[in-house]
């Protein structure tokens, strides 16, 4: 069994916040992969299902961001899950909007949700870091993460969430490289090479109309007729 945790703050007031992108990620996975309905448990909301051979519990802590570890720790103890089977989806200021990275262990970098997790379960869990960009100055961080995504963000945000859902089977199989590739196919799809997919190949020789427009017609008049024309000018 695996525990996948989306970090965020509970309630409609925070639903569209940048800080809640973790909630958005697990919501998308639950919807796309046929998970059961969300229900209250472990001081939060859980939804259960399978992806491939893996049984997965999705968890959205209801304790607010800075107490997320309480909810996660309770779920882990109940299901006897080790940190190695926990994956946390969270917002990441140090990644450009729409970028995604996977990491295991390490520091919390000042993220309040990760700080709480560290204090309750240690640092040996996996993380899916979801880039939201940085406001430019540390004094603006709180207001930035607690503000809703702008309308201009909706395109890349939807691509990112779709990519996460596409890659969920790979993540469940512990194949982080294949997971990141699935995300990249949504967020940065390869461009078609020249002359393919909608762009016609250049012709080997000019089309007849083009040749007619650029090649002078042969002179059909006699030398005497051309001399007469010269005196008429």
C-alpha atoms as a PDB file:
ATOM      1  CA  UNK A   1       0.000   0.000   0.000  1.00  0.00           C
ATOM      2  CA  UNK A   2       1.090   3.553  -0.762  1.00  0.00           C
ATOM      3  CA  UNK A   3       0.031   6.843   0.761  1.00  0.00           C
ATOM      4  CA  UNK A   4      -0.093   9.813  -1.600  1.00  0.00           C
ATOM      5  CA  UNK A   5      -0.554  13.126   0.168  1.00  0.00           C
ATOM      6  CA  UNK A   6      -1.588  16.413  -1.362  1.00  0.00           C
ATOM      7  CA  UNK A   7      -0.669  19.463   0.714  1.00  0.00           C
ATOM      8  CA  UNK A   8      -2.948  22.471   1.026  1.00  0.00           C
ATOM      9  CA  UNK A   9      -5.355  24.285   3.293  1.00  0.00           C
ATOM     10  CA  UNK A  10      -8.950  23.060   3.772  1.00  0.00           C
ATOM     11  CA  UNK A  11     -12.026  25.080   2.882  1.00  0.00           C
ATOM     12  CA  UNK A  12     -13.460  26.902  -0.136  1.00  0.00           C
ATOM     13  CA  UNK A  13     -11.571  30.081   0.785  1.00  0.00           C
ATOM     14  CA  UNK A  14      -8.255  28.432  -0.084  1.00  0.00           C
ATOM     15  CA  UNK A  15      -9.338  26.064  -2.854  1.00  0.00           C
ATOM     16  CA  UNK A  16      -7.792  28.064  -5.728  1.00  0.00           C
ATOM     17  CA  UNK A  17      -4.632  29.145  -3.896  1.00  0.00           C
ATOM     18  CA  UNK A  18      -1.168  28.412  -5.250  1.00  0.00           C
ATOM     19  CA  UNK A  19      -0.452  26.743  -1.901  1.00  0.00           C
ATOM     20  CA  UNK A  20      -3.194  24.210  -2.695  1.00  0.00           C
ATOM     21  CA  UNK A  21      -1.712  22.762  -5.857  1.00  0.00           C
ATOM     22  CA  UNK A  22      -1.033  19.544  -3.918  1.00  0.00           C
ATOM     23  CA  UNK A  23      -4.758  19.162  -3.225  1.00  0.00           C
ATOM     24  CA  UNK A  24      -5.435  19.810  -6.920  1.00  0.00           C
ATOM     25  CA  UNK A  25      -2.996  17.068  -7.958  1.00  0.00           C
ATOM     26  CA  UNK A  26      -4.554  14.315  -5.833  1.00  0.00           C
ATOM     27  CA  UNK A  27      -8.069  15.475  -6.792  1.00  0.00           C
ATOM     28  CA  UNK A  28      -7.139  15.014 -10.449  1.00  0.00           C
ATOM     29  CA  UNK A  29      -5.668  11.563  -9.829  1.00  0.00           C
ATOM     30  CA  UNK A  30      -8.794  10.455  -7.913  1.00  0.00           C
ATOM     31  CA  UNK A  31     -11.089  11.685 -10.689  1.00  0.00           C
ATOM     32  CA  UNK A  32      -9.162  10.277 -13.620  1.00  0.00           C
ATOM     33  CA  UNK A  33      -8.349   6.885 -12.102  1.00  0.00           C
ATOM     34  CA  UNK A  34     -11.738   5.960 -10.663  1.00  0.00           C
ATOM     35  CA  UNK A  35     -10.970   6.270  -6.962  1.00  0.00           C
ATOM     36  CA  UNK A  36     -13.708   6.020  -4.361  1.00  0.00           C
ATOM     37  CA  UNK A  37     -15.502   9.067  -2.933  1.00  0.00           C
ATOM     38  CA  UNK A  38     -13.667  11.335  -0.540  1.00  0.00           C
ATOM     39  CA  UNK A  39     -14.509  10.706   3.122  1.00  0.00           C
ATOM     40  CA  UNK A  40     -13.397  12.108   6.452  1.00  0.00           C
ATOM     41  CA  UNK A  41     -10.583  10.225   8.190  1.00  0.00           C
ATOM     42  CA  UNK A  42      -7.169  10.860   9.768  1.00  0.00           C
ATOM     43  CA  UNK A  43      -7.981  14.549  10.408  1.00  0.00           C
ATOM     44  CA  UNK A  44      -8.475  15.015   6.710  1.00  0.00           C
ATOM     45  CA  UNK A  45     -10.111  13.582   3.589  1.00  0.00           C
ATOM     46  CA  UNK A  46      -9.141  10.257   2.025  1.00  0.00           C
ATOM     47  CA  UNK A  47      -9.969   8.485  -1.220  1.00  0.00           C
ATOM     48  CA  UNK A  48      -8.897   4.913  -1.946  1.00  0.00           C
ATOM     49  CA  UNK A  49      -8.265   3.069  -5.169  1.00  0.00           C
ATOM     50  CA  UNK A  50      -5.823   1.120  -7.315  1.00  0.00           C
ATOM     51  CA  UNK A  51      -3.435   2.148 -10.030  1.00  0.00           C
ATOM     52  CA  UNK A  52      -1.953  -0.868 -11.711  1.00  0.00           C
ATOM     53  CA  UNK A  53      -1.016  -3.386  -9.034  1.00  0.00           C
ATOM     54  CA  UNK A  54      -0.675  -0.761  -6.305  1.00  0.00           C
ATOM     55  CA  UNK A  55      -3.330  -0.009  -3.718  1.00  0.00           C
ATOM     56  CA  UNK A  56      -3.192   3.700  -2.977  1.00  0.00           C
ATOM     57  CA  UNK A  57      -4.696   5.914  -0.300  1.00  0.00           C
ATOM     58  CA  UNK A  58      -4.959   9.572  -1.288  1.00  0.00           C
ATOM     59  CA  UNK A  59      -4.959  12.009   1.632  1.00  0.00           C
ATOM     60  CA  UNK A  60      -5.724  15.712   1.904  1.00  0.00           C
ATOM     61  CA  UNK A  61      -4.888  16.801   5.471  1.00  0.00           C
ATOM     62  CA  UNK A  62      -7.562  18.965   7.071  1.00  0.00           C
ATOM     63  CA  UNK A  63      -5.258  20.350   9.748  1.00  0.00           C
ATOM     64  CA  UNK A  64      -4.044  23.364   7.727  1.00  0.00           C
ATOM     65  CA  UNK A  65      -0.637  23.422   6.096  1.00  0.00           C
ATOM     66  CA  UNK A  66       1.583  23.936   9.128  1.00  0.00           C
ATOM     67  CA  UNK A  67       0.072  20.914  10.941  1.00  0.00           C
ATOM     68  CA  UNK A  68      -0.012  18.519   7.976  1.00  0.00           C
ATOM     69  CA  UNK A  69       2.291  16.040   9.719  1.00  0.00           C
ATOM     70  CA  UNK A  70      -0.363  15.211  12.319  1.00  0.00           C
ATOM     71  CA  UNK A  71      -2.772  13.894   9.681  1.00  0.00           C
ATOM     72  CA  UNK A  72      -0.098  12.080   7.683  1.00  0.00           C
ATOM     73  CA  UNK A  73       1.412  10.466  10.785  1.00  0.00           C
ATOM     74  CA  UNK A  74      -1.995   9.187  11.887  1.00  0.00           C
ATOM     75  CA  UNK A  75      -2.676   7.626   8.481  1.00  0.00           C
ATOM     76  CA  UNK A  76       0.752   5.993   8.394  1.00  0.00           C
ATOM     77  CA  UNK A  77       0.348   4.451  11.837  1.00  0.00           C
ATOM     78  CA  UNK A  78      -3.113   3.092  11.033  1.00  0.00           C
ATOM     79  CA  UNK A  79      -2.010   1.450   7.776  1.00  0.00           C
ATOM     80  CA  UNK A  80       1.493   0.569   9.052  1.00  0.00           C
ATOM     81  CA  UNK A  81       3.099   2.478   6.173  1.00  0.00           C
ATOM     82  CA  UNK A  82       6.787   3.409   6.156  1.00  0.00           C
ATOM     83  CA  UNK A  83       8.027   6.812   4.923  1.00  0.00           C
ATOM     84  CA  UNK A  84       9.429   5.063   1.832  1.00  0.00           C
ATOM     85  CA  UNK A  85       5.823   4.376   0.747  1.00  0.00           C
ATOM     86  CA  UNK A  86       4.690   7.990   1.195  1.00  0.00           C
ATOM     87  CA  UNK A  87       4.678  10.498  -1.675  1.00  0.00           C
ATOM     88  CA  UNK A  88       3.818  14.129  -1.016  1.00  0.00           C
ATOM     89  CA  UNK A  89       2.636  16.562  -3.730  1.00  0.00           C
ATOM     90  CA  UNK A  90       3.410  20.171  -2.824  1.00  0.00           C
ATOM     91  CA  UNK A  91       3.962  23.653  -4.215  1.00  0.00           C
ATOM     92  CA  UNK A  92       7.545  24.661  -4.923  1.00  0.00           C
ATOM     93  CA  UNK A  93       8.645  28.303  -5.054  1.00  0.00           C
ATOM     94  CA  UNK A  94      12.083  27.440  -6.396  1.00  0.00           C
ATOM     95  CA  UNK A  95      10.733  25.914  -9.626  1.00  0.00           C
ATOM     96  CA  UNK A  96       9.323  27.879 -12.548  1.00  0.00           C
ATOM     97  CA  UNK A  97       5.549  27.637 -13.007  1.00  0.00           C
ATOM     98  CA  UNK A  98       4.571  24.317 -14.542  1.00  0.00           C
ATOM     99  CA  UNK A  99       7.858  22.554 -13.839  1.00  0.00           C
ATOM    100  CA  UNK A 100       7.856  19.268 -11.920  1.00  0.00           C
ATOM    101  CA  UNK A 101      10.611  17.465 -10.056  1.00  0.00           C
ATOM    102  CA  UNK A 102      10.775  14.339  -7.891  1.00  0.00           C
ATOM    103  CA  UNK A 103      12.900  14.150  -4.764  1.00  0.00           C
ATOM    104  CA  UNK A 104      13.436  11.781  -1.856  1.00  0.00           C
ATOM    105  CA  UNK A 105      14.610  13.029   1.529  1.00  0.00           C
ATOM    106  CA  UNK A 106      16.461  16.270   2.180  1.00  0.00           C
ATOM    107  CA  UNK A 107      15.486  19.492   3.911  1.00  0.00           C
ATOM    108  CA  UNK A 108      12.149  21.264   3.979  1.00  0.00           C
ATOM    109  CA  UNK A 109      13.498  24.589   2.574  1.00  0.00           C
ATOM    110  CA  UNK A 110      11.177  26.570   4.839  1.00  0.00           C
ATOM    111  CA  UNK A 111       7.982  25.015   3.489  1.00  0.00           C
ATOM    112  CA  UNK A 112       5.602  24.854   6.457  1.00  0.00           C
ATOM    113  CA  UNK A 113       3.870  21.685   5.326  1.00  0.00           C
ATOM    114  CA  UNK A 114       7.154  19.839   4.831  1.00  0.00           C
ATOM    115  CA  UNK A 115       8.475  21.200   8.114  1.00  0.00           C
ATOM    116  CA  UNK A 116       5.508  19.627   9.903  1.00  0.00           C
ATOM    117  CA  UNK A 117       6.005  16.325   8.060  1.00  0.00           C
ATOM    118  CA  UNK A 118       9.678  16.280   9.017  1.00  0.00           C
ATOM    119  CA  UNK A 119       8.801  16.659  12.683  1.00  0.00           C
ATOM    120  CA  UNK A 120       6.224  13.835  12.625  1.00  0.00           C
ATOM    121  CA  UNK A 121       7.552  11.221  10.190  1.00  0.00           C
ATOM    122  CA  UNK A 122      11.137  12.223   9.387  1.00  0.00           C
ATOM    123  CA  UNK A 123      12.512  13.173   5.997  1.00  0.00           C
ATOM    124  CA  UNK A 124      12.639   9.823   4.199  1.00  0.00           C
ATOM    125  CA  UNK A 125       9.457  10.280   2.153  1.00  0.00           C
ATOM    126  CA  UNK A 126       9.165  11.049  -1.564  1.00  0.00           C
ATOM    127  CA  UNK A 127       8.133  14.434  -2.889  1.00  0.00           C
ATOM    128  CA  UNK A 128       6.623  15.621  -6.138  1.00  0.00           C
ATOM    129  CA  UNK A 129       7.631  19.273  -6.305  1.00  0.00           C
ATOM    130  CA  UNK A 130       5.210  21.361  -8.353  1.00  0.00           C
ATOM    131  CA  UNK A 131       6.597  24.673  -9.554  1.00  0.00           C
ATOM    132  CA  UNK A 132       4.569  27.818  -8.912  1.00  0.00           C
ATOM    133  CA  UNK A 133       7.379  30.371  -9.354  1.00  0.00           C
ATOM    134  CA  UNK A 134       8.621  32.960  -6.869  1.00  0.00           C
ATOM    135  CA  UNK A 135       7.183  36.447  -6.305  1.00  0.00           C
ATOM    136  CA  UNK A 136      10.689  37.931  -6.317  1.00  0.00           C
ATOM    137  CA  UNK A 137      11.119  38.849  -2.645  1.00  0.00           C
ATOM    138  CA  UNK A 138      10.750  36.810   0.528  1.00  0.00           C
ATOM    139  CA  UNK A 139       8.455  39.421   2.100  1.00  0.00           C
ATOM    140  CA  UNK A 140       5.882  38.743  -0.649  1.00  0.00           C
ATOM    141  CA  UNK A 141       5.896  34.939  -0.351  1.00  0.00           C
ATOM    142  CA  UNK A 142       3.020  34.563   2.123  1.00  0.00           C
ATOM    143  CA  UNK A 143       0.624  36.703   0.110  1.00  0.00           C
ATOM    144  CA  UNK A 144       1.733  35.047  -3.111  1.00  0.00           C
ATOM    145  CA  UNK A 145       1.152  31.429  -2.068  1.00  0.00           C
ATOM    146  CA  UNK A 146      -2.165  32.284  -0.396  1.00  0.00           C
ATOM    147  CA  UNK A 147      -3.462  34.017  -3.530  1.00  0.00           C
ATOM    148  CA  UNK A 148      -5.399  32.209  -6.251  1.00  0.00           C
ATOM    149  CA  UNK A 149      -3.759  31.228  -9.504  1.00  0.00           C
ATOM    150  CA  UNK A 150      -4.253  33.951 -12.097  1.00  0.00           C
ATOM    151  CA  UNK A 151      -6.353  33.361 -15.203  1.00  0.00           C
ATOM    152  CA  UNK A 152      -3.146  33.430 -17.228  1.00  0.00           C
ATOM    153  CA  UNK A 153      -1.900  30.420 -15.222  1.00  0.00           C
ATOM    154  CA  UNK A 154      -4.809  28.151 -16.049  1.00  0.00           C
ATOM    155  CA  UNK A 155      -3.302  26.769 -19.258  1.00  0.00           C
ATOM    156  CA  UNK A 156      -0.032  25.519 -17.817  1.00  0.00           C
ATOM    157  CA  UNK A 157      -1.743  24.469 -14.560  1.00  0.00           C
ATOM    158  CA  UNK A 158      -4.179  22.212 -16.409  1.00  0.00           C
ATOM    159  CA  UNK A 159      -1.356  20.729 -18.498  1.00  0.00           C
ATOM    160  CA  UNK A 160       0.644  20.016 -15.335  1.00  0.00           C
ATOM    161  CA  UNK A 161      -2.269  18.318 -13.564  1.00  0.00           C
ATOM    162  CA  UNK A 162      -3.076  16.261 -16.667  1.00  0.00           C
ATOM    163  CA  UNK A 163       0.552  15.205 -16.888  1.00  0.00           C
ATOM    164  CA  UNK A 164       0.591  14.128 -13.245  1.00  0.00           C
ATOM    165  CA  UNK A 165      -2.512  12.022 -13.832  1.00  0.00           C
ATOM    166  CA  UNK A 166      -1.012  10.543 -17.020  1.00  0.00           C
ATOM    167  CA  UNK A 167       2.141   9.620 -15.122  1.00  0.00           C
ATOM    168  CA  UNK A 168       0.402   8.202 -12.043  1.00  0.00           C
ATOM    169  CA  UNK A 169       0.802   4.548 -13.173  1.00  0.00           C
ATOM    170  CA  UNK A 170       4.556   5.067 -13.511  1.00  0.00           C
ATOM    171  CA  UNK A 171       4.729   6.759 -10.118  1.00  0.00           C
ATOM    172  CA  UNK A 172       2.795   3.868  -8.562  1.00  0.00           C
ATOM    173  CA  UNK A 173       5.373   1.510 -10.092  1.00  0.00           C
ATOM    174  CA  UNK A 174       8.226   3.562  -8.566  1.00  0.00           C
ATOM    175  CA  UNK A 175       9.424   4.654 -12.005  1.00  0.00           C
ATOM    176  CA  UNK A 176      10.043   8.367 -11.449  1.00  0.00           C
ATOM    177  CA  UNK A 177      11.794   8.844 -14.803  1.00  0.00           C
ATOM    178  CA  UNK A 178       8.784   7.573 -16.727  1.00  0.00           C
ATOM    179  CA  UNK A 179       6.501   9.658 -14.517  1.00  0.00           C
ATOM    180  CA  UNK A 180       8.449  12.842 -15.299  1.00  0.00           C
ATOM    181  CA  UNK A 181       8.422  11.976 -18.991  1.00  0.00           C
ATOM    182  CA  UNK A 182       4.620  11.736 -18.922  1.00  0.00           C
ATOM    183  CA  UNK A 183       4.425  15.152 -17.271  1.00  0.00           C
ATOM    184  CA  UNK A 184       6.827  16.632 -19.818  1.00  0.00           C
ATOM    185  CA  UNK A 185       4.735  15.323 -22.720  1.00  0.00           C
ATOM    186  CA  UNK A 186       1.892  17.506 -21.433  1.00  0.00           C
ATOM    187  CA  UNK A 187       3.817  20.572 -20.300  1.00  0.00           C
ATOM    188  CA  UNK A 188       6.495  20.678 -23.026  1.00  0.00           C
ATOM    189  CA  UNK A 189       5.400  18.452 -25.927  1.00  0.00           C
ATOM    190  CA  UNK A 190       7.992  17.917 -28.674  1.00  0.00           C
ATOM    191  CA  UNK A 191       7.605  20.174 -31.682  1.00  0.00           C
ATOM    192  CA  UNK A 192       7.068  18.552 -35.066  1.00  0.00           C
ATOM    193  CA  UNK A 193      10.168  18.456 -37.247  1.00  0.00           C
ATOM    194  CA  UNK A 194      10.333  20.623 -40.364  1.00  0.00           C
ATOM    195  CA  UNK A 195       8.217  19.332 -43.239  1.00  0.00           C
ATOM    196  CA  UNK A 196       6.048  17.088 -41.042  1.00  0.00           C
ATOM    197  CA  UNK A 197       2.673  17.153 -39.263  1.00  0.00           C
ATOM    198  CA  UNK A 198       0.820  19.821 -41.168  1.00  0.00           C
ATOM    199  CA  UNK A 199       3.747  21.495 -42.944  1.00  0.00           C
ATOM    200  CA  UNK A 200       3.952  20.404 -46.594  1.00  0.00           C
ATOM    201  CA  UNK A 201       7.361  19.444 -47.860  1.00  0.00           C
ATOM    202  CA  UNK A 202       9.010  21.910 -50.215  1.00  0.00           C
ATOM    203  CA  UNK A 203       8.562  20.854 -53.862  1.00  0.00           C
ATOM    204  CA  UNK A 204      11.632  19.578 -55.720  1.00  0.00           C
ATOM    205  CA  UNK A 205      10.936  22.014 -58.567  1.00  0.00           C
ATOM    206  CA  UNK A 206       8.703  25.052 -58.957  1.00  0.00           C
ATOM    207  CA  UNK A 207       5.039  24.519 -59.649  1.00  0.00           C
ATOM    208  CA  UNK A 208       3.927  25.284 -63.215  1.00  0.00           C
ATOM    209  CA  UNK A 209       2.294  28.570 -62.230  1.00  0.00           C
ATOM    210  CA  UNK A 210       5.447  29.734 -60.511  1.00  0.00           C
ATOM    211  CA  UNK A 211       7.560  28.812 -63.533  1.00  0.00           C
ATOM    212  CA  UNK A 212       5.222  30.736 -65.824  1.00  0.00           C
ATOM    213  CA  UNK A 213       5.504  33.825 -63.639  1.00  0.00           C
ATOM    214  CA  UNK A 214       9.265  33.891 -63.570  1.00  0.00           C
ATOM    215  CA  UNK A 215      10.334  32.620 -67.046  1.00  0.00           C
ATOM    216  CA  UNK A 216      10.032  35.130 -69.971  1.00  0.00           C
ATOM    217  CA  UNK A 217       8.057  33.973 -72.997  1.00  0.00           C
ATOM    218  CA  UNK A 218      10.037  33.446 -76.244  1.00  0.00           C
ATOM    219  CA  UNK A 219       9.957  36.369 -78.736  1.00  0.00           C
ATOM    220  CA  UNK A 220       7.480  35.487 -81.597  1.00  0.00           C
ATOM    221  CA  UNK A 221       7.750  38.659 -83.778  1.00  0.00           C
ATOM    222  CA  UNK A 222      10.042  39.188 -86.753  1.00  0.00           C
ATOM    223  CA  UNK A 223      13.058  41.563 -86.639  1.00  0.00           C
ATOM    224  CA  UNK A 224      11.217  44.043 -88.925  1.00  0.00           C
ATOM    225  CA  UNK A 225       8.192  44.138 -86.579  1.00  0.00           C
ATOM    226  CA  UNK A 226      10.428  44.820 -83.619  1.00  0.00           C
ATOM    227  CA  UNK A 227      12.164  47.681 -85.545  1.00  0.00           C
ATOM    228  CA  UNK A 228       8.782  49.273 -86.374  1.00  0.00           C
ATOM    229  CA  UNK A 229       7.805  49.101 -82.679  1.00  0.00           C
ATOM    230  CA  UNK A 230      10.987  50.952 -81.749  1.00  0.00           C
ATOM    231  CA  UNK A 231      10.112  53.924 -83.981  1.00  0.00           C
ATOM    232  CA  UNK A 232       6.580  54.041 -82.597  1.00  0.00           C
ATOM    233  CA  UNK A 233       7.804  54.756 -79.049  1.00  0.00           C
END
